Amino acid sequence: MTHSIQHSVGNRVCSYTVPILSVRSLFLATAITTGIAYLVCVLFLIVAPQATMGFFSYVLHANLSGIIRSVTWGSFIVGLLVWSMGIGLYVALVARLYNKLSVR
Protein backbone atom coordinates (compact mmCIF):
# COMPACT_ATOMS: atom_id res chain seq x y z
CA MET A 1 0.00 0.00 0.00
CA THR A 2 1.30 3.46 -0.85
CA HIS A 3 0.31 7.09 -0.48
CA SER A 4 0.69 9.48 -3.38
CA ILE A 5 2.14 12.80 -2.28
CA GLN A 6 2.21 15.94 -4.41
CA HIS A 7 3.96 19.20 -3.76
CA SER A 8 4.89 22.12 -5.93
CA VAL A 9 8.42 23.22 -6.67
CA GLY A 10 8.46 26.50 -8.52
CA ASN A 11 6.00 26.14 -11.40
CA ARG A 12 6.04 22.31 -11.40
CA VAL A 13 4.05 19.81 -9.36
CA CYS A 14 6.12 16.86 -8.20
CA SER A 15 4.42 13.59 -7.30
CA TYR A 16 5.91 10.55 -5.59
CA THR A 17 4.65 7.56 -3.67
CA VAL A 18 5.47 6.68 -0.09
CA PRO A 19 5.13 3.09 1.10
CA ILE A 20 2.72 2.49 3.98
CA LEU A 21 3.77 -0.03 6.61
CA SER A 22 1.28 -2.62 7.81
CA VAL A 23 1.23 -2.10 11.58
CA ARG A 24 -0.43 -5.46 12.28
CA SER A 25 1.97 -7.42 10.05
CA LEU A 26 5.02 -5.78 11.59
CA PHE A 27 3.67 -6.43 15.10
CA LEU A 28 3.09 -10.12 14.37
CA ALA A 29 6.40 -10.64 12.57
CA THR A 30 8.35 -8.95 15.35
CA ALA A 31 6.50 -10.72 18.16
CA ILE A 32 7.02 -14.14 16.55
CA THR A 33 10.68 -13.50 15.78
CA THR A 34 11.35 -12.19 19.28
CA GLY A 35 9.55 -15.18 20.78
CA ILE A 36 11.77 -17.56 18.82
CA ALA A 37 14.91 -15.68 19.87
CA TYR A 38 13.73 -15.80 23.51
CA LEU A 39 13.12 -19.55 23.23
CA VAL A 40 16.63 -20.11 21.86
CA CYS A 41 18.12 -18.00 24.66
CA VAL A 42 16.23 -19.97 27.33
CA LEU A 43 17.34 -23.25 25.76
CA PHE A 44 20.95 -22.11 25.97
CA LEU A 45 20.40 -21.16 29.63
CA ILE A 46 19.01 -24.63 30.36
CA VAL A 47 21.66 -26.59 28.44
CA ALA A 48 24.76 -24.55 29.30
CA PRO A 49 24.06 -21.95 32.00
CA GLN A 50 27.70 -21.05 32.77
CA ALA A 51 28.68 -20.67 29.12
CA THR A 52 25.56 -18.61 28.41
CA MET A 53 26.20 -16.27 31.34
CA GLY A 54 29.86 -16.00 30.27
CA PHE A 55 28.78 -15.04 26.77
CA PHE A 56 26.36 -12.39 28.01
CA SER A 57 29.04 -11.09 30.41
CA TYR A 58 31.25 -10.56 27.40
CA VAL A 59 28.48 -8.97 25.29
CA LEU A 60 27.18 -6.66 28.05
CA HIS A 61 30.63 -5.77 29.43
CA ALA A 62 29.48 -6.76 32.91
CA ASN A 63 30.41 -9.52 35.34
CA LEU A 64 27.40 -11.83 35.36
CA SER A 65 29.27 -14.93 36.56
CA GLY A 66 27.81 -14.71 40.07
CA ILE A 67 24.22 -14.68 38.83
CA ILE A 68 22.47 -18.02 38.74
CA ARG A 69 19.30 -17.99 36.64
CA SER A 70 16.78 -20.77 37.18
CA VAL A 71 14.09 -21.08 34.56
CA THR A 72 10.65 -22.28 35.59
CA TRP A 73 7.60 -22.72 33.39
CA GLY A 74 6.10 -19.59 34.92
CA SER A 75 9.16 -17.44 34.35
CA PHE A 76 9.48 -18.80 30.82
CA ILE A 77 5.89 -17.96 29.88
CA VAL A 78 5.97 -14.51 31.52
CA GLY A 79 9.30 -13.68 29.88
CA LEU A 80 8.10 -14.92 26.51
CA LEU A 81 4.95 -12.80 26.68
CA VAL A 82 6.65 -9.68 28.04
CA TRP A 83 9.52 -9.69 25.54
CA SER A 84 7.57 -10.67 22.42
CA MET A 85 4.56 -8.45 23.09
CA GLY A 86 6.66 -5.54 24.37
CA ILE A 87 8.97 -5.43 21.37
CA GLY A 88 6.04 -6.14 19.02
CA LEU A 89 4.13 -3.17 20.44
CA TYR A 90 7.22 -0.97 20.17
CA VAL A 91 7.63 -1.82 16.47
CA ALA A 92 3.90 -1.31 15.85
CA LEU A 93 4.18 2.14 17.43
CA VAL A 94 7.17 2.99 15.23
CA ALA A 95 5.27 1.80 12.12
CA ARG A 96 2.22 3.84 13.04
CA LEU A 97 4.34 6.94 13.65
CA TYR A 98 6.13 6.39 10.32
CA ASN A 99 2.79 6.13 8.51
CA LYS A 100 1.53 9.35 10.10
CA LEU A 101 4.73 11.30 9.40
CA SER A 102 5.08 10.04 5.81
CA VAL A 103 1.70 11.46 4.80
CA ARG A 104 2.76 15.02 5.61
PDB file of N, CA and C in Angstrom:
ATOM      1  N   MET A   1       0.842  -1.158   0.000  1.00  0.00           N
ATOM      2  CA  MET A   1       0.000   0.000   0.000  1.00  0.00           C
ATOM      3  C   MET A   1       0.899   1.236   0.000  1.00  0.00           C
ATOM      4  N   THR A   2       0.520   2.232  -0.766  1.00  0.00           N
ATOM      5  CA  THR A   2       1.305   3.459  -0.846  1.00  0.00           C
ATOM      6  C   THR A   2       0.389   4.671  -0.782  1.00  0.00           C
ATOM      7  N   HIS A   3       0.977   5.795  -0.420  1.00  0.00           N
ATOM      8  CA  HIS A   3       0.307   7.094  -0.483  1.00  0.00           C
ATOM      9  C   HIS A   3       0.955   7.871  -1.618  1.00  0.00           C
ATOM     10  N   SER A   4       0.164   8.604  -2.346  1.00  0.00           N
ATOM     11  CA  SER A   4       0.693   9.478  -3.377  1.00  0.00           C
ATOM     12  C   SER A   4       0.760  10.882  -2.802  1.00  0.00           C
ATOM     13  N   ILE A   5       1.928  11.465  -2.840  1.00  0.00           N
ATOM     14  CA  ILE A   5       2.136  12.795  -2.277  1.00  0.00           C
ATOM     15  C   ILE A   5       2.524  13.748  -3.402  1.00  0.00           C
ATOM     16  N   GLN A   6       1.896  14.928  -3.412  1.00  0.00           N
ATOM     17  CA  GLN A   6       2.211  15.937  -4.411  1.00  0.00           C
ATOM     18  C   GLN A   6       2.602  17.231  -3.709  1.00  0.00           C
ATOM     19  N   HIS A   7       3.594  17.865  -4.240  1.00  0.00           N
ATOM     20  CA  HIS A   7       3.958  19.195  -3.762  1.00  0.00           C
ATOM     21  C   HIS A   7       4.514  19.984  -4.945  1.00  0.00           C
ATOM     22  N   SER A   8       4.442  21.297  -4.815  1.00  0.00           N
ATOM     23  CA  SER A   8       4.893  22.122  -5.935  1.00  0.00           C
ATOM     24  C   SER A   8       6.284  22.675  -5.658  1.00  0.00           C
ATOM     25  N   VAL A   9       7.081  22.657  -6.708  1.00  0.00           N
ATOM     26  CA  VAL A   9       8.420  23.220  -6.667  1.00  0.00           C
ATOM     27  C   VAL A   9       8.487  24.213  -7.824  1.00  0.00           C
ATOM     28  N   GLY A  10       8.488  25.482  -7.469  1.00  0.00           N
ATOM     29  CA  GLY A  10       8.463  26.501  -8.518  1.00  0.00           C
ATOM     30  C   GLY A  10       7.145  26.432  -9.263  1.00  0.00           C
ATOM     31  N   ASN A  11       7.201  26.227 -10.581  1.00  0.00           N
ATOM     32  CA  ASN A  11       6.001  26.135 -11.405  1.00  0.00           C
ATOM     33  C   ASN A  11       5.581  24.693 -11.660  1.00  0.00           C
ATOM     34  N   ARG A  12       6.324  23.721 -11.131  1.00  0.00           N
ATOM     35  CA  ARG A  12       6.044  22.308 -11.397  1.00  0.00           C
ATOM     36  C   ARG A  12       5.411  21.653 -10.177  1.00  0.00           C
ATOM     37  N   VAL A  13       4.628  20.626 -10.426  1.00  0.00           N
ATOM     38  CA  VAL A  13       4.053  19.808  -9.359  1.00  0.00           C
ATOM     39  C   VAL A  13       4.764  18.466  -9.391  1.00  0.00           C
ATOM     40  N   CYS A  14       5.406  18.131  -8.296  1.00  0.00           N
ATOM     41  CA  CYS A  14       6.116  16.855  -8.201  1.00  0.00           C
ATOM     42  C   CYS A  14       5.235  15.859  -7.459  1.00  0.00           C
ATOM     43  N   SER A  15       5.226  14.635  -7.932  1.00  0.00           N
ATOM     44  CA  SER A  15       4.423  13.589  -7.304  1.00  0.00           C
ATOM     45  C   SER A  15       5.307  12.372  -7.061  1.00  0.00           C
ATOM     46  N   TYR A  16       5.174  11.779  -5.891  1.00  0.00           N
ATOM     47  CA  TYR A  16       5.906  10.549  -5.588  1.00  0.00           C
ATOM     48  C   TYR A  16       5.094   9.722  -4.611  1.00  0.00           C
ATOM     49  N   THR A  17       5.392   8.461  -4.562  1.00  0.00           N
ATOM     50  CA  THR A  17       4.653   7.557  -3.675  1.00  0.00           C
ATOM     51  C   THR A  17       5.504   7.219  -2.454  1.00  0.00           C
ATOM     52  N   VAL A  18       4.823   7.041  -1.348  1.00  0.00           N
ATOM     53  CA  VAL A  18       5.467   6.681  -0.089  1.00  0.00           C
ATOM     54  C   VAL A  18       4.862   5.363   0.377  1.00  0.00           C
ATOM     55  N   PRO A  19       5.689   4.363   0.646  1.00  0.00           N
ATOM     56  CA  PRO A  19       5.129   3.086   1.105  1.00  0.00           C
ATOM     57  C   PRO A  19       4.504   3.217   2.495  1.00  0.00           C
ATOM     58  N   ILE A  20       3.402   2.522   2.690  1.00  0.00           N
ATOM     59  CA  ILE A  20       2.719   2.489   3.981  1.00  0.00           C
ATOM     60  C   ILE A  20       3.036   1.149   4.636  1.00  0.00           C
ATOM     61  N   LEU A  21       3.434   1.186   5.884  1.00  0.00           N
ATOM     62  CA  LEU A  21       3.766  -0.030   6.614  1.00  0.00           C
ATOM     63  C   LEU A  21       2.507  -0.625   7.242  1.00  0.00           C
ATOM     64  N   SER A  22       2.392  -1.927   7.171  1.00  0.00           N
ATOM     65  CA  SER A  22       1.280  -2.618   7.814  1.00  0.00           C
ATOM     66  C   SER A  22       1.624  -2.805   9.289  1.00  0.00           C
ATOM     67  N   VAL A  23       0.944  -2.072  10.146  1.00  0.00           N
ATOM     68  CA  VAL A  23       1.229  -2.097  11.582  1.00  0.00           C
ATOM     69  C   VAL A  23       0.995  -3.501  12.140  1.00  0.00           C
ATOM     70  N   ARG A  24      -0.102  -4.126  11.772  1.00  0.00           N
ATOM     71  CA  ARG A  24      -0.432  -5.458  12.278  1.00  0.00           C
ATOM     72  C   ARG A  24       0.604  -6.495  11.833  1.00  0.00           C
ATOM     73  N   SER A  25       0.989  -6.454  10.558  1.00  0.00           N
ATOM     74  CA  SER A  25       1.974  -7.420  10.048  1.00  0.00           C
ATOM     75  C   SER A  25       3.324  -7.251  10.733  1.00  0.00           C
ATOM     76  N   LEU A  26       3.744  -6.012  10.915  1.00  0.00           N
ATOM     77  CA  LEU A  26       5.025  -5.778  11.592  1.00  0.00           C
ATOM     78  C   LEU A  26       4.965  -6.223  13.048  1.00  0.00           C
ATOM     79  N   PHE A  27       3.833  -5.978  13.721  1.00  0.00           N
ATOM     80  CA  PHE A  27       3.673  -6.430  15.097  1.00  0.00           C
ATOM     81  C   PHE A  27       3.799  -7.947  15.178  1.00  0.00           C
ATOM     82  N   LEU A  28       3.056  -8.661  14.329  1.00  0.00           N
ATOM     83  CA  LEU A  28       3.087 -10.119  14.370  1.00  0.00           C
ATOM     84  C   LEU A  28       4.462 -10.678  14.017  1.00  0.00           C
ATOM     85  N   ALA A  29       5.080 -10.156  12.975  1.00  0.00           N
ATOM     86  CA  ALA A  29       6.400 -10.644  12.569  1.00  0.00           C
ATOM     87  C   ALA A  29       7.434 -10.419  13.667  1.00  0.00           C
ATOM     88  N   THR A  30       7.393  -9.254  14.284  1.00  0.00           N
ATOM     89  CA  THR A  30       8.353  -8.948  15.345  1.00  0.00           C
ATOM     90  C   THR A  30       8.092  -9.776  16.588  1.00  0.00           C
ATOM     91  N   ALA A  31       6.833  -9.933  16.967  1.00  0.00           N
ATOM     92  CA  ALA A  31       6.502 -10.718  18.156  1.00  0.00           C
ATOM     93  C   ALA A  31       6.906 -12.179  17.974  1.00  0.00           C
ATOM     94  N   ILE A  32       6.655 -12.742  16.805  1.00  0.00           N
ATOM     95  CA  ILE A  32       7.017 -14.141  16.551  1.00  0.00           C
ATOM     96  C   ILE A  32       8.531 -14.313  16.528  1.00  0.00           C
ATOM     97  N   THR A  33       9.221 -13.418  15.848  1.00  0.00           N
ATOM     98  CA  THR A  33      10.682 -13.501  15.775  1.00  0.00           C
ATOM     99  C   THR A  33      11.316 -13.332  17.148  1.00  0.00           C
ATOM    100  N   THR A  34      10.822 -12.400  17.937  1.00  0.00           N
ATOM    101  CA  THR A  34      11.350 -12.186  19.278  1.00  0.00           C
ATOM    102  C   THR A  34      11.056 -13.390  20.167  1.00  0.00           C
ATOM    103  N   GLY A  35       9.877 -13.986  20.016  1.00  0.00           N
ATOM    104  CA  GLY A  35       9.546 -15.180  20.776  1.00  0.00           C
ATOM    105  C   GLY A  35      10.484 -16.333  20.470  1.00  0.00           C
ATOM    106  N   ILE A  36      10.831 -16.505  19.204  1.00  0.00           N
ATOM    107  CA  ILE A  36      11.767 -17.564  18.819  1.00  0.00           C
ATOM    108  C   ILE A  36      13.152 -17.284  19.386  1.00  0.00           C
ATOM    109  N   ALA A  37      13.605 -16.041  19.301  1.00  0.00           N
ATOM    110  CA  ALA A  37      14.908 -15.677  19.865  1.00  0.00           C
ATOM    111  C   ALA A  37      14.927 -15.901  21.376  1.00  0.00           C
ATOM    112  N   TYR A  38      13.829 -15.582  22.056  1.00  0.00           N
ATOM    113  CA  TYR A  38      13.734 -15.797  23.506  1.00  0.00           C
ATOM    114  C   TYR A  38      13.791 -17.292  23.822  1.00  0.00           C
ATOM    115  N   LEU A  39      13.100 -18.106  23.038  1.00  0.00           N
ATOM    116  CA  LEU A  39      13.117 -19.550  23.230  1.00  0.00           C
ATOM    117  C   LEU A  39      14.526 -20.107  23.080  1.00  0.00           C
ATOM    118  N   VAL A  40      15.251 -19.665  22.070  1.00  0.00           N
ATOM    119  CA  VAL A  40      16.632 -20.115  21.862  1.00  0.00           C
ATOM    120  C   VAL A  40      17.509 -19.703  23.042  1.00  0.00           C
ATOM    121  N   CYS A  41      17.332 -18.487  23.522  1.00  0.00           N
ATOM    122  CA  CYS A  41      18.117 -18.001  24.660  1.00  0.00           C
ATOM    123  C   CYS A  41      17.846 -18.847  25.906  1.00  0.00           C
ATOM    124  N   VAL A  42      16.579 -19.158  26.169  1.00  0.00           N
ATOM    125  CA  VAL A  42      16.231 -19.973  27.333  1.00  0.00           C
ATOM    126  C   VAL A  42      16.793 -21.381  27.185  1.00  0.00           C
ATOM    127  N   LEU A  43      16.762 -21.928  25.968  1.00  0.00           N
ATOM    128  CA  LEU A  43      17.344 -23.255  25.758  1.00  0.00           C
ATOM    129  C   LEU A  43      18.839 -23.262  26.060  1.00  0.00           C
ATOM    130  N   PHE A  44      19.528 -22.210  25.641  1.00  0.00           N
ATOM    131  CA  PHE A  44      20.954 -22.106  25.971  1.00  0.00           C
ATOM    132  C   PHE A  44      21.161 -22.015  27.476  1.00  0.00           C
ATOM    133  N   LEU A  45      20.289 -21.268  28.170  1.00  0.00           N
ATOM    134  CA  LEU A  45      20.400 -21.165  29.626  1.00  0.00           C
ATOM    135  C   LEU A  45      20.186 -22.516  30.307  1.00  0.00           C
ATOM    136  N   ILE A  46      19.287 -23.322  29.774  1.00  0.00           N
ATOM    137  CA  ILE A  46      19.014 -24.630  30.364  1.00  0.00           C
ATOM    138  C   ILE A  46      20.148 -25.607  30.083  1.00  0.00           C
ATOM    139  N   VAL A  47      20.637 -25.624  28.847  1.00  0.00           N
ATOM    140  CA  VAL A  47      21.660 -26.591  28.441  1.00  0.00           C
ATOM    141  C   VAL A  47      23.033 -26.230  28.984  1.00  0.00           C
ATOM    142  N   ALA A  48      23.421 -24.977  28.882  1.00  0.00           N
ATOM    143  CA  ALA A  48      24.764 -24.555  29.300  1.00  0.00           C
ATOM    144  C   ALA A  48      24.684 -23.217  30.027  1.00  0.00           C
ATOM    145  N   PRO A  49      24.261 -23.221  31.299  1.00  0.00           N
ATOM    146  CA  PRO A  49      24.060 -21.949  32.003  1.00  0.00           C
ATOM    147  C   PRO A  49      25.346 -21.138  32.195  1.00  0.00           C
ATOM    148  N   GLN A  50      26.443 -21.792  32.537  1.00  0.00           N
ATOM    149  CA  GLN A  50      27.699 -21.050  32.768  1.00  0.00           C
ATOM    150  C   GLN A  50      28.225 -20.435  31.478  1.00  0.00           C
ATOM    151  N   ALA A  51      28.194 -21.191  30.402  1.00  0.00           N
ATOM    152  CA  ALA A  51      28.678 -20.669  29.117  1.00  0.00           C
ATOM    153  C   ALA A  51      27.791 -19.523  28.631  1.00  0.00           C
ATOM    154  N   THR A  52      26.486 -19.659  28.829  1.00  0.00           N
ATOM    155  CA  THR A  52      25.560 -18.606  28.408  1.00  0.00           C
ATOM    156  C   THR A  52      25.804 -17.328  29.201  1.00  0.00           C
ATOM    157  N   MET A  53      25.942 -17.456  30.510  1.00  0.00           N
ATOM    158  CA  MET A  53      26.200 -16.268  31.337  1.00  0.00           C
ATOM    159  C   MET A  53      27.566 -15.669  30.999  1.00  0.00           C
ATOM    160  N   GLY A  54      28.551 -16.513  30.693  1.00  0.00           N
ATOM    161  CA  GLY A  54      29.855 -16.004  30.266  1.00  0.00           C
ATOM    162  C   GLY A  54      29.758 -15.231  28.972  1.00  0.00           C
ATOM    163  N   PHE A  55      28.974 -15.737  28.040  1.00  0.00           N
ATOM    164  CA  PHE A  55      28.776 -15.043  26.767  1.00  0.00           C
ATOM    165  C   PHE A  55      28.117 -13.684  26.980  1.00  0.00           C
ATOM    166  N   PHE A  56      27.047 -13.665  27.780  1.00  0.00           N
ATOM    167  CA  PHE A  56      26.364 -12.391  28.013  1.00  0.00           C
ATOM    168  C   PHE A  56      27.204 -11.435  28.853  1.00  0.00           C
ATOM    169  N   SER A  57      28.090 -11.960  29.702  1.00  0.00           N
ATOM    170  CA  SER A  57      29.036 -11.093  30.413  1.00  0.00           C
ATOM    171  C   SER A  57      29.945 -10.384  29.421  1.00  0.00           C
ATOM    172  N   TYR A  58      30.385 -11.133  28.423  1.00  0.00           N
ATOM    173  CA  TYR A  58      31.253 -10.563  27.396  1.00  0.00           C
ATOM    174  C   TYR A  58      30.491  -9.529  26.560  1.00  0.00           C
ATOM    175  N   VAL A  59      29.271  -9.856  26.145  1.00  0.00           N
ATOM    176  CA  VAL A  59      28.478  -8.967  25.287  1.00  0.00           C
ATOM    177  C   VAL A  59      28.077  -7.690  26.022  1.00  0.00           C
ATOM    178  N   LEU A  60      27.673  -7.807  27.287  1.00  0.00           N
ATOM    179  CA  LEU A  60      27.185  -6.661  28.045  1.00  0.00           C
ATOM    180  C   LEU A  60      28.280  -5.906  28.799  1.00  0.00           C
ATOM    181  N   HIS A  61      29.513  -6.397  28.735  1.00  0.00           N
ATOM    182  CA  HIS A  61      30.633  -5.766  29.434  1.00  0.00           C
ATOM    183  C   HIS A  61      30.362  -5.666  30.933  1.00  0.00           C
ATOM    184  N   ALA A  62      29.802  -6.724  31.491  1.00  0.00           N
ATOM    185  CA  ALA A  62      29.478  -6.763  32.914  1.00  0.00           C
ATOM    186  C   ALA A  62      29.792  -8.152  33.444  1.00  0.00           C
ATOM    187  N   ASN A  63      30.117  -8.236  34.727  1.00  0.00           N
ATOM    188  CA  ASN A  63      30.409  -9.517  35.339  1.00  0.00           C
ATOM    189  C   ASN A  63      29.104 -10.166  35.802  1.00  0.00           C
ATOM    190  N   LEU A  64      28.645 -11.133  35.046  1.00  0.00           N
ATOM    191  CA  LEU A  64      27.403 -11.835  35.362  1.00  0.00           C
ATOM    192  C   LEU A  64      27.661 -13.243  35.887  1.00  0.00           C
ATOM    193  N   SER A  65      28.925 -13.558  36.164  1.00  0.00           N
ATOM    194  CA  SER A  65      29.268 -14.928  36.555  1.00  0.00           C
ATOM    195  C   SER A  65      28.660 -15.328  37.892  1.00  0.00           C
ATOM    196  N   GLY A  66      28.383 -14.383  38.770  1.00  0.00           N
ATOM    197  CA  GLY A  66      27.809 -14.706  40.073  1.00  0.00           C
ATOM    198  C   GLY A  66      26.301 -14.875  40.057  1.00  0.00           C
ATOM    199  N   ILE A  67      25.679 -14.600  38.927  1.00  0.00           N
ATOM    200  CA  ILE A  67      24.223 -14.680  38.830  1.00  0.00           C
ATOM    201  C   ILE A  67      23.837 -16.081  38.361  1.00  0.00           C
ATOM    202  N   ILE A  68      22.996 -16.718  39.127  1.00  0.00           N
ATOM    203  CA  ILE A  68      22.466 -18.020  38.740  1.00  0.00           C
ATOM    204  C   ILE A  68      21.000 -17.821  38.355  1.00  0.00           C
ATOM    205  N   ARG A  69      20.663 -18.195  37.153  1.00  0.00           N
ATOM    206  CA  ARG A  69      19.298 -17.991  36.641  1.00  0.00           C
ATOM    207  C   ARG A  69      18.613 -19.335  36.522  1.00  0.00           C
ATOM    208  N   SER A  70      17.579 -19.547  37.311  1.00  0.00           N
ATOM    209  CA  SER A  70      16.785 -20.768  37.180  1.00  0.00           C
ATOM    210  C   SER A  70      15.536 -20.447  36.383  1.00  0.00           C
ATOM    211  N   VAL A  71      15.231 -21.296  35.435  1.00  0.00           N
ATOM    212  CA  VAL A  71      14.091 -21.081  34.557  1.00  0.00           C
ATOM    213  C   VAL A  71      12.976 -22.046  34.955  1.00  0.00           C
ATOM    214  N   THR A  72      11.833 -21.475  35.310  1.00  0.00           N
ATOM    215  CA  THR A  72      10.652 -22.281  35.591  1.00  0.00           C
ATOM    216  C   THR A  72       9.655 -22.075  34.455  1.00  0.00           C
ATOM    217  N   TRP A  73       8.612 -22.908  34.418  1.00  0.00           N
ATOM    218  CA  TRP A  73       7.602 -22.724  33.388  1.00  0.00           C
ATOM    219  C   TRP A  73       6.949 -21.356  33.503  1.00  0.00           C
ATOM    220  N   GLY A  74       6.713 -20.907  34.721  1.00  0.00           N
ATOM    221  CA  GLY A  74       6.095 -19.592  34.923  1.00  0.00           C
ATOM    222  C   GLY A  74       6.972 -18.460  34.433  1.00  0.00           C
ATOM    223  N   SER A  75       8.264 -18.506  34.799  1.00  0.00           N
ATOM    224  CA  SER A  75       9.161 -17.435  34.354  1.00  0.00           C
ATOM    225  C   SER A  75       9.371 -17.472  32.847  1.00  0.00           C
ATOM    226  N   PHE A  76       9.348 -18.683  32.273  1.00  0.00           N
ATOM    227  CA  PHE A  76       9.485 -18.803  30.821  1.00  0.00           C
ATOM    228  C   PHE A  76       8.302 -18.165  30.109  1.00  0.00           C
ATOM    229  N   ILE A  77       7.083 -18.485  30.540  1.00  0.00           N
ATOM    230  CA  ILE A  77       5.889 -17.962  29.883  1.00  0.00           C
ATOM    231  C   ILE A  77       5.774 -16.447  30.061  1.00  0.00           C
ATOM    232  N   VAL A  78       6.029 -15.965  31.278  1.00  0.00           N
ATOM    233  CA  VAL A  78       5.971 -14.512  31.516  1.00  0.00           C
ATOM    234  C   VAL A  78       7.025 -13.792  30.686  1.00  0.00           C
ATOM    235  N   GLY A  79       8.236 -14.294  30.672  1.00  0.00           N
ATOM    236  CA  GLY A  79       9.297 -13.676  29.882  1.00  0.00           C
ATOM    237  C   GLY A  79       8.992 -13.686  28.390  1.00  0.00           C
ATOM    238  N   LEU A  80       8.460 -14.810  27.919  1.00  0.00           N
ATOM    239  CA  LEU A  80       8.103 -14.917  26.511  1.00  0.00           C
ATOM    240  C   LEU A  80       7.036 -13.889  26.137  1.00  0.00           C
ATOM    241  N   LEU A  81       6.010 -13.766  26.963  1.00  0.00           N
ATOM    242  CA  LEU A  81       4.947 -12.800  26.679  1.00  0.00           C
ATOM    243  C   LEU A  81       5.435 -11.357  26.783  1.00  0.00           C
ATOM    244  N   VAL A  82       6.188 -11.058  27.833  1.00  0.00           N
ATOM    245  CA  VAL A  82       6.654  -9.678  28.037  1.00  0.00           C
ATOM    246  C   VAL A  82       7.585  -9.246  26.912  1.00  0.00           C
ATOM    247  N   TRP A  83       8.565 -10.080  26.574  1.00  0.00           N
ATOM    248  CA  TRP A  83       9.516  -9.694  25.540  1.00  0.00           C
ATOM    249  C   TRP A  83       8.879  -9.632  24.157  1.00  0.00           C
ATOM    250  N   SER A  84       8.128 -10.667  23.778  1.00  0.00           N
ATOM    251  CA  SER A  84       7.572 -10.672  22.420  1.00  0.00           C
ATOM    252  C   SER A  84       6.496  -9.605  22.245  1.00  0.00           C
ATOM    253  N   MET A  85       5.603  -9.459  23.216  1.00  0.00           N
ATOM    254  CA  MET A  85       4.556  -8.448  23.094  1.00  0.00           C
ATOM    255  C   MET A  85       5.134  -7.037  23.246  1.00  0.00           C
ATOM    256  N   GLY A  86       6.070  -6.863  24.160  1.00  0.00           N
ATOM    257  CA  GLY A  86       6.659  -5.542  24.366  1.00  0.00           C
ATOM    258  C   GLY A  86       7.387  -5.028  23.140  1.00  0.00           C
ATOM    259  N   ILE A  87       8.229  -5.855  22.559  1.00  0.00           N
ATOM    260  CA  ILE A  87       8.966  -5.427  21.369  1.00  0.00           C
ATOM    261  C   ILE A  87       8.030  -5.329  20.168  1.00  0.00           C
ATOM    262  N   GLY A  88       7.034  -6.231  20.087  1.00  0.00           N
ATOM    263  CA  GLY A  88       6.044  -6.137  19.018  1.00  0.00           C
ATOM    264  C   GLY A  88       5.266  -4.837  19.076  1.00  0.00           C
ATOM    265  N   LEU A  89       4.849  -4.436  20.282  1.00  0.00           N
ATOM    266  CA  LEU A  89       4.128  -3.169  20.440  1.00  0.00           C
ATOM    267  C   LEU A  89       5.016  -1.969  20.110  1.00  0.00           C
ATOM    268  N   TYR A  90       6.281  -2.049  20.490  1.00  0.00           N
ATOM    269  CA  TYR A  90       7.217  -0.971  20.169  1.00  0.00           C
ATOM    270  C   TYR A  90       7.338  -0.797  18.650  1.00  0.00           C
ATOM    271  N   VAL A  91       7.499  -1.895  17.926  1.00  0.00           N
ATOM    272  CA  VAL A  91       7.634  -1.824  16.468  1.00  0.00           C
ATOM    273  C   VAL A  91       6.329  -1.349  15.829  1.00  0.00           C
ATOM    274  N   ALA A  92       5.187  -1.778  16.373  1.00  0.00           N
ATOM    275  CA  ALA A  92       3.903  -1.306  15.852  1.00  0.00           C
ATOM    276  C   ALA A  92       3.764   0.199  16.045  1.00  0.00           C
ATOM    277  N   LEU A  93       4.219   0.701  17.183  1.00  0.00           N
ATOM    278  CA  LEU A  93       4.182   2.143  17.429  1.00  0.00           C
ATOM    279  C   LEU A  93       5.083   2.894  16.444  1.00  0.00           C
ATOM    280  N   VAL A  94       6.260   2.364  16.192  1.00  0.00           N
ATOM    281  CA  VAL A  94       7.170   2.990  15.228  1.00  0.00           C
ATOM    282  C   VAL A  94       6.545   2.988  13.831  1.00  0.00           C
ATOM    283  N   ALA A  95       5.909   1.876  13.432  1.00  0.00           N
ATOM    284  CA  ALA A  95       5.273   1.798  12.116  1.00  0.00           C
ATOM    285  C   ALA A  95       4.121   2.794  12.008  1.00  0.00           C
ATOM    286  N   ARG A  96       3.344   2.897  13.063  1.00  0.00           N
ATOM    287  CA  ARG A  96       2.216   3.843  13.044  1.00  0.00           C
ATOM    288  C   ARG A  96       2.716   5.287  12.950  1.00  0.00           C
ATOM    289  N   LEU A  97       3.759   5.595  13.710  1.00  0.00           N
ATOM    290  CA  LEU A  97       4.340   6.937  13.646  1.00  0.00           C
ATOM    291  C   LEU A  97       4.914   7.217  12.269  1.00  0.00           C
ATOM    292  N   TYR A  98       5.585   6.236  11.678  1.00  0.00           N
ATOM    293  CA  TYR A  98       6.127   6.387  10.322  1.00  0.00           C
ATOM    294  C   TYR A  98       5.009   6.686   9.335  1.00  0.00           C
ATOM    295  N   ASN A  99       3.911   5.916   9.422  1.00  0.00           N
ATOM    296  CA  ASN A  99       2.791   6.133   8.510  1.00  0.00           C
ATOM    297  C   ASN A  99       2.193   7.520   8.656  1.00  0.00           C
ATOM    298  N   LYS A 100       2.075   8.011   9.887  1.00  0.00           N
ATOM    299  CA  LYS A 100       1.530   9.347  10.099  1.00  0.00           C
ATOM    300  C   LYS A 100       2.473  10.430   9.577  1.00  0.00           C
ATOM    301  N   LEU A 101       3.767  10.267   9.818  1.00  0.00           N
ATOM    302  CA  LEU A 101       4.725  11.297   9.397  1.00  0.00           C
ATOM    303  C   LEU A 101       4.964  11.275   7.889  1.00  0.00           C
ATOM    304  N   SER A 102       4.816  10.126   7.254  1.00  0.00           N
ATOM    305  CA  SER A 102       5.083  10.042   5.812  1.00  0.00           C
ATOM    306  C   SER A 102       3.980  10.680   4.976  1.00  0.00           C
ATOM    307  N   VAL A 103       2.802  10.850   5.535  1.00  0.00           N
ATOM    308  CA  VAL A 103       1.702  11.461   4.803  1.00  0.00           C
ATOM    309  C   VAL A 103       1.907  12.956   4.671  1.00  0.00           C
ATOM    310  N   ARG A 104       2.584  13.553   5.597  1.00  0.00           N
ATOM    311  CA  ARG A 104       2.757  15.015   5.607  1.00  0.00           C
ATOM    312  C   ARG A 104       3.682  15.483   4.531  1.00  0.00           C
TER     313      ARG A 104
END
